[in-house]
Amino acid sequence: MPPGFVENLYVFLLAGFLGFEVIRRVSPLLHTPLMALTNALDAIVVVAAIIIAARPGSTLTLVLGAIAVAAAFSNMVGGFLITDRMLRMFKLSGRKKP
């Protein structure tokens, strides 16, 4: 095992659990702003995944980096599409403001 693997795994699991608990308790009114924030974070993840995939290393690193880029990019695009659809639902259709 590489040095620091257990510590990194511990941080990953703790972050996943904490993120799940925070997202689960979000009010439905805050869902759209939260989606916009997570889309911005997904964009940062895409950049980080590209950097990791471009680093010289083993074939496993390259494959995992490419999978990370594809997963983060599809998550980001899907999030933007869902947020856009939700925001269109709140627009007034055909009515002008006085």
PDB file of N, CA and C in Angstrom:
ATOM      1  N   MET A   1       0.839  -1.187   0.000  1.00  0.00           N
ATOM      2  CA  MET A   1       0.000   0.000   0.000  1.00  0.00           C
ATOM      3  C   MET A   1       0.884   1.252   0.000  1.00  0.00           C
ATOM      4  N   PRO A   2       0.458   2.267  -0.758  1.00  0.00           N
ATOM      5  CA  PRO A   2       1.225   3.512  -0.744  1.00  0.00           C
ATOM      6  C   PRO A   2       1.156   4.187   0.624  1.00  0.00           C
ATOM      7  N   PRO A   3       2.161   4.980   0.952  1.00  0.00           N
ATOM      8  CA  PRO A   3       2.125   5.669   2.242  1.00  0.00           C
ATOM      9  C   PRO A   3       0.955   6.660   2.284  1.00  0.00           C
ATOM     10  N   GLY A   4       0.273   6.694   3.401  1.00  0.00           N
ATOM     11  CA  GLY A   4      -0.846   7.613   3.567  1.00  0.00           C
ATOM     12  C   GLY A   4      -2.160   7.100   3.012  1.00  0.00           C
ATOM     13  N   PHE A   5      -2.201   5.866   2.526  1.00  0.00           N
ATOM     14  CA  PHE A   5      -3.424   5.337   1.924  1.00  0.00           C
ATOM     15  C   PHE A   5      -4.551   5.236   2.943  1.00  0.00           C
ATOM     16  N   VAL A   6      -4.251   4.726   4.112  1.00  0.00           N
ATOM     17  CA  VAL A   6      -5.281   4.544   5.139  1.00  0.00           C
ATOM     18  C   VAL A   6      -5.826   5.903   5.580  1.00  0.00           C
ATOM     19  N   GLU A   7      -4.954   6.885   5.748  1.00  0.00           N
ATOM     20  CA  GLU A   7      -5.405   8.219   6.142  1.00  0.00           C
ATOM     21  C   GLU A   7      -6.275   8.843   5.051  1.00  0.00           C
ATOM     22  N   ASN A   8      -5.868   8.695   3.797  1.00  0.00           N
ATOM     23  CA  ASN A   8      -6.658   9.233   2.688  1.00  0.00           C
ATOM     24  C   ASN A   8      -8.011   8.537   2.581  1.00  0.00           C
ATOM     25  N   LEU A   9      -8.032   7.237   2.795  1.00  0.00           N
ATOM     26  CA  LEU A   9      -9.290   6.495   2.772  1.00  0.00           C
ATOM     27  C   LEU A   9     -10.208   6.959   3.902  1.00  0.00           C
ATOM     28  N   TYR A  10      -9.643   7.190   5.070  1.00  0.00           N
ATOM     29  CA  TYR A  10     -10.410   7.676   6.215  1.00  0.00           C
ATOM     30  C   TYR A  10     -11.023   9.042   5.910  1.00  0.00           C
ATOM     31  N   VAL A  11     -10.238   9.950   5.349  1.00  0.00           N
ATOM     32  CA  VAL A  11     -10.749  11.284   5.006  1.00  0.00           C
ATOM     33  C   VAL A  11     -11.839  11.182   3.942  1.00  0.00           C
ATOM     34  N   PHE A  12     -11.649  10.326   2.958  1.00  0.00           N
ATOM     35  CA  PHE A  12     -12.651  10.137   1.905  1.00  0.00           C
ATOM     36  C   PHE A  12     -13.971   9.636   2.477  1.00  0.00           C
ATOM     37  N   LEU A  13     -13.918   8.619   3.319  1.00  0.00           N
ATOM     38  CA  LEU A  13     -15.139   8.077   3.914  1.00  0.00           C
ATOM     39  C   LEU A  13     -15.813   9.085   4.828  1.00  0.00           C
ATOM     40  N   LEU A  14     -15.039   9.809   5.607  1.00  0.00           N
ATOM     41  CA  LEU A  14     -15.601  10.831   6.490  1.00  0.00           C
ATOM     42  C   LEU A  14     -16.250  11.950   5.688  1.00  0.00           C
ATOM     43  N   ALA A  15     -15.615  12.392   4.610  1.00  0.00           N
ATOM     44  CA  ALA A  15     -16.184  13.444   3.763  1.00  0.00           C
ATOM     45  C   ALA A  15     -17.461  12.965   3.084  1.00  0.00           C
ATOM     46  N   GLY A  16     -17.483  11.722   2.631  1.00  0.00           N
ATOM     47  CA  GLY A  16     -18.691  11.178   2.013  1.00  0.00           C
ATOM     48  C   GLY A  16     -19.848  11.116   2.988  1.00  0.00           C
ATOM     49  N   PHE A  17     -19.592  10.629   4.194  1.00  0.00           N
ATOM     50  CA  PHE A  17     -20.645  10.545   5.213  1.00  0.00           C
ATOM     51  C   PHE A  17     -21.134  11.933   5.605  1.00  0.00           C
ATOM     52  N   LEU A  18     -20.214  12.858   5.835  1.00  0.00           N
ATOM     53  CA  LEU A  18     -20.591  14.221   6.223  1.00  0.00           C
ATOM     54  C   LEU A  18     -21.373  14.907   5.107  1.00  0.00           C
ATOM     55  N   GLY A  19     -20.937  14.744   3.878  1.00  0.00           N
ATOM     56  CA  GLY A  19     -21.658  15.338   2.744  1.00  0.00           C
ATOM     57  C   GLY A  19     -23.056  14.781   2.615  1.00  0.00           C
ATOM     58  N   PHE A  20     -23.209  13.485   2.794  1.00  0.00           N
ATOM     59  CA  PHE A  20     -24.532  12.862   2.721  1.00  0.00           C
ATOM     60  C   PHE A  20     -25.451  13.412   3.803  1.00  0.00           C
ATOM     61  N   GLU A  21     -24.955  13.534   5.013  1.00  0.00           N
ATOM     62  CA  GLU A  21     -25.778  14.036   6.117  1.00  0.00           C
ATOM     63  C   GLU A  21     -26.153  15.505   5.915  1.00  0.00           C
ATOM     64  N   VAL A  22     -25.248  16.304   5.399  1.00  0.00           N
ATOM     65  CA  VAL A  22     -25.553  17.724   5.167  1.00  0.00           C
ATOM     66  C   VAL A  22     -26.596  17.870   4.067  1.00  0.00           C
ATOM     67  N   ILE A  23     -26.437  17.173   2.967  1.00  0.00           N
ATOM     68  CA  ILE A  23     -27.361  17.278   1.837  1.00  0.00           C
ATOM     69  C   ILE A  23     -28.742  16.745   2.213  1.00  0.00           C
ATOM     70  N   ARG A  24     -28.787  15.706   3.013  1.00  0.00           N
ATOM     71  CA  ARG A  24     -30.067  15.099   3.381  1.00  0.00           C
ATOM     72  C   ARG A  24     -30.940  16.046   4.188  1.00  0.00           C
ATOM     73  N   ARG A  25     -30.338  16.943   4.941  1.00  0.00           N
ATOM     74  CA  ARG A  25     -31.087  17.830   5.814  1.00  0.00           C
ATOM     75  C   ARG A  25     -31.391  19.194   5.189  1.00  0.00           C
ATOM     76  N   VAL A  26     -31.142  19.358   3.910  1.00  0.00           N
ATOM     77  CA  VAL A  26     -31.376  20.647   3.246  1.00  0.00           C
ATOM     78  C   VAL A  26     -32.866  20.839   2.981  1.00  0.00           C
ATOM     79  N   SER A  27     -33.345  22.038   3.273  1.00  0.00           N
ATOM     80  CA  SER A  27     -34.742  22.381   3.020  1.00  0.00           C
ATOM     81  C   SER A  27     -35.005  22.383   1.509  1.00  0.00           C
ATOM     82  N   PRO A  28     -36.206  21.977   1.085  1.00  0.00           N
ATOM     83  CA  PRO A  28     -36.524  22.001  -0.355  1.00  0.00           C
ATOM     84  C   PRO A  28     -36.406  23.398  -0.970  1.00  0.00           C
ATOM     85  N   LEU A  29     -36.596  24.459  -0.172  1.00  0.00           N
ATOM     86  CA  LEU A  29     -36.466  25.814  -0.699  1.00  0.00           C
ATOM     87  C   LEU A  29     -35.038  26.150  -1.106  1.00  0.00           C
ATOM     88  N   LEU A  30     -34.095  25.486  -0.497  1.00  0.00           N
ATOM     89  CA  LEU A  30     -32.685  25.767  -0.790  1.00  0.00           C
ATOM     90  C   LEU A  30     -32.101  24.818  -1.831  1.00  0.00           C
ATOM     91  N   HIS A  31     -32.918  23.950  -2.394  1.00  0.00           N
ATOM     92  CA  HIS A  31     -32.395  22.937  -3.300  1.00  0.00           C
ATOM     93  C   HIS A  31     -31.765  23.547  -4.549  1.00  0.00           C
ATOM     94  N   THR A  32     -32.437  24.528  -5.176  1.00  0.00           N
ATOM     95  CA  THR A  32     -31.894  25.117  -6.404  1.00  0.00           C
ATOM     96  C   THR A  32     -30.584  25.856  -6.167  1.00  0.00           C
ATOM     97  N   PRO A  33     -30.475  26.724  -5.130  1.00  0.00           N
ATOM     98  CA  PRO A  33     -29.163  27.343  -4.886  1.00  0.00           C
ATOM     99  C   PRO A  33     -28.080  26.321  -4.548  1.00  0.00           C
ATOM    100  N   LEU A  34     -28.474  25.256  -3.852  1.00  0.00           N
ATOM    101  CA  LEU A  34     -27.501  24.227  -3.521  1.00  0.00           C
ATOM    102  C   LEU A  34     -27.024  23.503  -4.772  1.00  0.00           C
ATOM    103  N   MET A  35     -27.960  23.253  -5.708  1.00  0.00           N
ATOM    104  CA  MET A  35     -27.579  22.617  -6.976  1.00  0.00           C
ATOM    105  C   MET A  35     -26.593  23.498  -7.732  1.00  0.00           C
ATOM    106  N   ALA A  36     -26.827  24.813  -7.732  1.00  0.00           N
ATOM    107  CA  ALA A  36     -25.909  25.713  -8.428  1.00  0.00           C
ATOM    108  C   ALA A  36     -24.524  25.667  -7.796  1.00  0.00           C
ATOM    109  N   LEU A  37     -24.475  25.587  -6.469  1.00  0.00           N
ATOM    110  CA  LEU A  37     -23.190  25.502  -5.782  1.00  0.00           C
ATOM    111  C   LEU A  37     -22.484  24.189  -6.096  1.00  0.00           C
ATOM    112  N   THR A  38     -23.220  23.088  -6.093  1.00  0.00           N
ATOM    113  CA  THR A  38     -22.579  21.809  -6.381  1.00  0.00           C
ATOM    114  C   THR A  38     -22.126  21.730  -7.837  1.00  0.00           C
ATOM    115  N   ASN A  39     -22.816  22.425  -8.735  1.00  0.00           N
ATOM    116  CA  ASN A  39     -22.357  22.469 -10.123  1.00  0.00           C
ATOM    117  C   ASN A  39     -21.014  23.181 -10.212  1.00  0.00           C
ATOM    118  N   ALA A  40     -20.852  24.256  -9.455  1.00  0.00           N
ATOM    119  CA  ALA A  40     -19.568  24.963  -9.441  1.00  0.00           C
ATOM    120  C   ALA A  40     -18.473  24.061  -8.866  1.00  0.00           C
ATOM    121  N   LEU A  41     -18.793  23.317  -7.824  1.00  0.00           N
ATOM    122  CA  LEU A  41     -17.807  22.401  -7.253  1.00  0.00           C
ATOM    123  C   LEU A  41     -17.473  21.280  -8.227  1.00  0.00           C
ATOM    124  N   ASP A  42     -18.457  20.822  -8.979  1.00  0.00           N
ATOM    125  CA  ASP A  42     -18.192  19.793  -9.986  1.00  0.00           C
ATOM    126  C   ASP A  42     -17.228  20.298 -11.054  1.00  0.00           C
ATOM    127  N   ALA A  43     -17.331  21.567 -11.401  1.00  0.00           N
ATOM    128  CA  ALA A  43     -16.394  22.131 -12.379  1.00  0.00           C
ATOM    129  C   ALA A  43     -14.970  22.093 -11.835  1.00  0.00           C
ATOM    130  N   ILE A  44     -14.808  22.353 -10.546  1.00  0.00           N
ATOM    131  CA  ILE A  44     -13.483  22.280  -9.933  1.00  0.00           C
ATOM    132  C   ILE A  44     -12.991  20.836  -9.932  1.00  0.00           C
ATOM    133  N   VAL A  45     -13.889  19.900  -9.679  1.00  0.00           N
ATOM    134  CA  VAL A  45     -13.521  18.480  -9.687  1.00  0.00           C
ATOM    135  C   VAL A  45     -13.082  18.042 -11.079  1.00  0.00           C
ATOM    136  N   VAL A  46     -13.748  18.546 -12.118  1.00  0.00           N
ATOM    137  CA  VAL A  46     -13.354  18.204 -13.486  1.00  0.00           C
ATOM    138  C   VAL A  46     -11.922  18.668 -13.749  1.00  0.00           C
ATOM    139  N   VAL A  47     -11.601  19.883 -13.346  1.00  0.00           N
ATOM    140  CA  VAL A  47     -10.239  20.400 -13.553  1.00  0.00           C
ATOM    141  C   VAL A  47      -9.229  19.550 -12.782  1.00  0.00           C
ATOM    142  N   ALA A  48      -9.548  19.205 -11.531  1.00  0.00           N
ATOM    143  CA  ALA A  48      -8.641  18.374 -10.739  1.00  0.00           C
ATOM    144  C   ALA A  48      -8.478  16.990 -11.359  1.00  0.00           C
ATOM    145  N   ALA A  49      -9.565  16.421 -11.874  1.00  0.00           N
ATOM    146  CA  ALA A  49      -9.475  15.097 -12.503  1.00  0.00           C
ATOM    147  C   ALA A  49      -8.627  15.150 -13.763  1.00  0.00           C
ATOM    148  N   ILE A  50      -8.734  16.215 -14.521  1.00  0.00           N
ATOM    149  CA  ILE A  50      -7.898  16.363 -15.722  1.00  0.00           C
ATOM    150  C   ILE A  50      -6.425  16.448 -15.330  1.00  0.00           C
ATOM    151  N   ILE A  51      -6.138  17.199 -14.273  1.00  0.00           N
ATOM    152  CA  ILE A  51      -4.745  17.322 -13.812  1.00  0.00           C
ATOM    153  C   ILE A  51      -4.218  15.965 -13.361  1.00  0.00           C
ATOM    154  N   ILE A  52      -5.040  15.216 -12.623  1.00  0.00           N
ATOM    155  CA  ILE A  52      -4.608  13.898 -12.159  1.00  0.00           C
ATOM    156  C   ILE A  52      -4.406  12.948 -13.331  1.00  0.00           C
ATOM    157  N   ALA A  53      -5.313  12.985 -14.308  1.00  0.00           N
ATOM    158  CA  ALA A  53      -5.194  12.086 -15.458  1.00  0.00           C
ATOM    159  C   ALA A  53      -3.975  12.422 -16.308  1.00  0.00           C
ATOM    160  N   ALA A  54      -3.550  13.684 -16.313  1.00  0.00           N
ATOM    161  CA  ALA A  54      -2.422  14.093 -17.151  1.00  0.00           C
ATOM    162  C   ALA A  54      -1.067  13.817 -16.501  1.00  0.00           C
ATOM    163  N   ARG A  55      -1.055  13.497 -15.224  1.00  0.00           N
ATOM    164  CA  ARG A  55       0.215  13.225 -14.551  1.00  0.00           C
ATOM    165  C   ARG A  55       0.832  11.935 -15.063  1.00  0.00           C
ATOM    166  N   PRO A  56       2.146  11.915 -15.198  1.00  0.00           N
ATOM    167  CA  PRO A  56       2.769  10.660 -15.626  1.00  0.00           C
ATOM    168  C   PRO A  56       2.666   9.628 -14.507  1.00  0.00           C
ATOM    169  N   GLY A  57       2.339   8.439 -14.887  1.00  0.00           N
ATOM    170  CA  GLY A  57       2.193   7.379 -13.889  1.00  0.00           C
ATOM    171  C   GLY A  57       1.847   6.077 -14.566  1.00  0.00           C
ATOM    172  N   SER A  58       1.236   5.229 -13.815  1.00  0.00           N
ATOM    173  CA  SER A  58       0.890   3.915 -14.349  1.00  0.00           C
ATOM    174  C   SER A  58      -0.365   3.987 -15.212  1.00  0.00           C
ATOM    175  N   THR A  59      -0.631   2.901 -15.890  1.00  0.00           N
ATOM    176  CA  THR A  59      -1.836   2.816 -16.717  1.00  0.00           C
ATOM    177  C   THR A  59      -3.080   2.886 -15.853  1.00  0.00           C
ATOM    178  N   LEU A  60      -3.032   2.314 -14.654  1.00  0.00           N
ATOM    179  CA  LEU A  60      -4.165   2.362 -13.732  1.00  0.00           C
ATOM    180  C   LEU A  60      -4.498   3.803 -13.365  1.00  0.00           C
ATOM    181  N   THR A  61      -3.487   4.614 -13.120  1.00  0.00           N
ATOM    182  CA  THR A  61      -3.712   6.021 -12.804  1.00  0.00           C
ATOM    183  C   THR A  61      -4.375   6.740 -13.970  1.00  0.00           C
ATOM    184  N   LEU A  62      -3.928   6.452 -15.169  1.00  0.00           N
ATOM    185  CA  LEU A  62      -4.501   7.085 -16.354  1.00  0.00           C
ATOM    186  C   LEU A  62      -5.966   6.670 -16.540  1.00  0.00           C
ATOM    187  N   VAL A  63      -6.252   5.393 -16.367  1.00  0.00           N
ATOM    188  CA  VAL A  63      -7.629   4.902 -16.536  1.00  0.00           C
ATOM    189  C   VAL A  63      -8.540   5.485 -15.464  1.00  0.00           C
ATOM    190  N   LEU A  64      -8.104   5.461 -14.208  1.00  0.00           N
ATOM    191  CA  LEU A  64      -8.918   6.025 -13.132  1.00  0.00           C
ATOM    192  C   LEU A  64      -9.112   7.528 -13.301  1.00  0.00           C
ATOM    193  N   GLY A  65      -8.098   8.219 -13.769  1.00  0.00           N
ATOM    194  CA  GLY A  65      -8.230   9.653 -14.033  1.00  0.00           C
ATOM    195  C   GLY A  65      -9.225   9.931 -15.147  1.00  0.00           C
ATOM    196  N   ALA A  66      -9.192   9.119 -16.204  1.00  0.00           N
ATOM    197  CA  ALA A  66     -10.147   9.297 -17.305  1.00  0.00           C
ATOM    198  C   ALA A  66     -11.571   9.006 -16.848  1.00  0.00           C
ATOM    199  N   ILE A  67     -11.739   7.989 -16.004  1.00  0.00           N
ATOM    200  CA  ILE A  67     -13.068   7.693 -15.462  1.00  0.00           C
ATOM    201  C   ILE A  67     -13.536   8.845 -14.573  1.00  0.00           C
ATOM    202  N   ALA A  68     -12.639   9.408 -13.778  1.00  0.00           N
ATOM    203  CA  ALA A  68     -12.990  10.542 -12.919  1.00  0.00           C
ATOM    204  C   ALA A  68     -13.404  11.748 -13.752  1.00  0.00           C
ATOM    205  N   VAL A  69     -12.700  12.012 -14.855  1.00  0.00           N
ATOM    206  CA  VAL A  69     -13.061  13.130 -15.728  1.00  0.00           C
ATOM    207  C   VAL A  69     -14.451  12.901 -16.315  1.00  0.00           C
ATOM    208  N   ALA A  70     -14.701  11.704 -16.822  1.00  0.00           N
ATOM    209  CA  ALA A  70     -16.001  11.411 -17.434  1.00  0.00           C
ATOM    210  C   ALA A  70     -17.132  11.497 -16.411  1.00  0.00           C
ATOM    211  N   ALA A  71     -16.929  10.942 -15.224  1.00  0.00           N
ATOM    212  CA  ALA A  71     -17.981  10.964 -14.195  1.00  0.00           C
ATOM    213  C   ALA A  71     -18.260  12.382 -13.712  1.00  0.00           C
ATOM    214  N   ALA A  72     -17.216  13.142 -13.440  1.00  0.00           N
ATOM    215  CA  ALA A  72     -17.413  14.506 -12.957  1.00  0.00           C
ATOM    216  C   ALA A  72     -18.035  15.386 -14.032  1.00  0.00           C
ATOM    217  N   PHE A  73     -17.621  15.202 -15.278  1.00  0.00           N
ATOM    218  CA  PHE A  73     -18.174  16.018 -16.359  1.00  0.00           C
ATOM    219  C   PHE A  73     -19.648  15.704 -16.589  1.00  0.00           C
ATOM    220  N   SER A  74     -20.001  14.410 -16.579  1.00  0.00           N
ATOM    221  CA  SER A  74     -21.413  14.065 -16.779  1.00  0.00           C
ATOM    222  C   SER A  74     -22.263  14.541 -15.605  1.00  0.00           C
ATOM    223  N   ASN A  75     -21.733  14.478 -14.403  1.00  0.00           N
ATOM    224  CA  ASN A  75     -22.439  14.978 -13.229  1.00  0.00           C
ATOM    225  C   ASN A  75     -22.636  16.489 -13.328  1.00  0.00           C
ATOM    226  N   MET A  76     -21.631  17.190 -13.785  1.00  0.00           N
ATOM    227  CA  MET A  76     -21.715  18.642 -13.919  1.00  0.00           C
ATOM    228  C   MET A  76     -22.743  19.032 -14.975  1.00  0.00           C
ATOM    229  N   VAL A  77     -22.693  18.414 -16.126  1.00  0.00           N
ATOM    230  CA  VAL A  77     -23.650  18.735 -17.200  1.00  0.00           C
ATOM    231  C   VAL A  77     -25.073  18.397 -16.772  1.00  0.00           C
ATOM    232  N   GLY A  78     -25.261  17.244 -16.165  1.00  0.00           N
ATOM    233  CA  GLY A  78     -26.587  16.871 -15.680  1.00  0.00           C
ATOM    234  C   GLY A  78     -27.102  17.836 -14.631  1.00  0.00           C
ATOM    235  N   GLY A  79     -26.239  18.272 -13.752  1.00  0.00           N
ATOM    236  CA  GLY A  79     -26.638  19.241 -12.730  1.00  0.00           C
ATOM    237  C   GLY A  79     -27.060  20.567 -13.332  1.00  0.00           C
ATOM    238  N   PHE A  80     -26.309  21.033 -14.332  1.00  0.00           N
ATOM    239  CA  PHE A  80     -26.690  22.287 -14.986  1.00  0.00           C
ATOM    240  C   PHE A  80     -28.031  22.142 -15.707  1.00  0.00           C
ATOM    241  N   LEU A  81     -28.266  21.020 -16.354  1.00  0.00           N
ATOM    242  CA  LEU A  81     -29.534  20.810 -17.047  1.00  0.00           C
ATOM    243  C   LEU A  81     -30.707  20.759 -16.069  1.00  0.00           C
ATOM    244  N   ILE A  82     -30.526  20.073 -14.962  1.00  0.00           N
ATOM    245  CA  ILE A  82     -31.595  19.990 -13.962  1.00  0.00           C
ATOM    246  C   ILE A  82     -31.849  21.350 -13.325  1.00  0.00           C
ATOM    247  N   THR A  83     -30.787  22.087 -13.003  1.00  0.00           N
ATOM    248  CA  THR A  83     -30.965  23.411 -12.411  1.00  0.00           C
ATOM    249  C   THR A  83     -31.674  24.339 -13.379  1.00  0.00           C
ATOM    250  N   ASP A  84     -31.299  24.299 -14.648  1.00  0.00           N
ATOM    251  CA  ASP A  84     -31.958  25.139 -15.646  1.00  0.00           C
ATOM    252  C   ASP A  84     -33.435  24.796 -15.751  1.00  0.00           C
ATOM    253  N   ARG A  85     -33.753  23.529 -15.745  1.00  0.00           N
ATOM    254  CA  ARG A  85     -35.159  23.112 -15.827  1.00  0.00           C
ATOM    255  C   ARG A  85     -35.940  23.575 -14.599  1.00  0.00           C
ATOM    256  N   MET A  86     -35.337  23.461 -13.429  1.00  0.00           N
ATOM    257  CA  MET A  86     -36.017  23.900 -12.207  1.00  0.00           C
ATOM    258  C   MET A  86     -36.244  25.405 -12.224  1.00  0.00           C
ATOM    259  N   LEU A  87     -35.270  26.166 -12.690  1.00  0.00           N
ATOM    260  CA  LEU A  87     -35.425  27.620 -12.729  1.00  0.00           C
ATOM    261  C   LEU A  87     -36.491  28.033 -13.739  1.00  0.00           C
ATOM    262  N   ARG A  88     -36.599  27.313 -14.847  1.00  0.00           N
ATOM    263  CA  ARG A  88     -37.656  27.618 -15.824  1.00  0.00           C
ATOM    264  C   ARG A  88     -39.039  27.351 -15.248  1.00  0.00           C
ATOM    265  N   MET A  89     -39.153  26.426 -14.317  1.00  0.00           N
ATOM    266  CA  MET A  89     -40.445  26.142 -13.702  1.00  0.00           C
ATOM    267  C   MET A  89     -40.940  27.319 -12.854  1.00  0.00           C
ATOM    268  N   PHE A  90     -39.998  28.114 -12.314  1.00  0.00           N
ATOM    269  CA  PHE A  90     -40.383  29.231 -11.459  1.00  0.00           C
ATOM    270  C   PHE A  90     -40.682  30.509 -12.223  1.00  0.00           C
ATOM    271  N   LYS A  91     -40.370  30.551 -13.505  1.00  0.00           N
ATOM    272  CA  LYS A  91     -40.638  31.752 -14.299  1.00  0.00           C
ATOM    273  C   LYS A  91     -42.131  31.880 -14.562  1.00  0.00           C
ATOM    274  N   LEU A  92     -42.578  33.105 -14.625  1.00  0.00           N
ATOM    275  CA  LEU A  92     -43.973  33.359 -14.953  1.00  0.00           C
ATOM    276  C   LEU A  92     -44.149  33.113 -16.443  1.00  0.00           C
ATOM    277  N   SER A  93     -45.127  32.305 -16.801  1.00  0.00           N
ATOM    278  CA  SER A  93     -45.322  31.992 -18.204  1.00  0.00           C
ATOM    279  C   SER A  93     -46.387  32.891 -18.804  1.00  0.00           C
ATOM    280  N   GLY A  94     -45.995  33.735 -19.742  1.00  0.00           N
ATOM    281  CA  GLY A  94     -46.947  34.543 -20.491  1.00  0.00           C
ATOM    282  C   GLY A  94     -47.483  35.761 -19.753  1.00  0.00           C
ATOM    283  N   ARG A  95     -47.124  35.974 -18.517  1.00  0.00           N
ATOM    284  CA  ARG A  95     -47.624  37.126 -17.772  1.00  0.00           C
ATOM    285  C   ARG A  95     -46.538  38.180 -17.671  1.00  0.00           C
ATOM    286  N   LYS A  96     -46.949  39.419 -17.826  1.00  0.00           N
ATOM    287  CA  LYS A  96     -46.012  40.531 -17.678  1.00  0.00           C
ATOM    288  C   LYS A  96     -46.162  41.111 -16.286  1.00  0.00           C
ATOM    289  N   LYS A  97     -45.069  41.556 -15.747  1.00  0.00           N
ATOM    290  CA  LYS A  97     -45.114  42.193 -14.428  1.00  0.00           C
ATOM    291  C   LYS A  97     -45.697  43.591 -14.569  1.00  0.00           C
ATOM    292  N   PRO A  98     -46.513  44.027 -13.605  1.00  0.00           N
ATOM    293  CA  PRO A  98     -47.084  45.381 -13.714  1.00  0.00           C
ATOM    294  C   PRO A  98     -46.076  46.453 -13.481  1.00  0.00           C
TER     295      PRO A  98
END
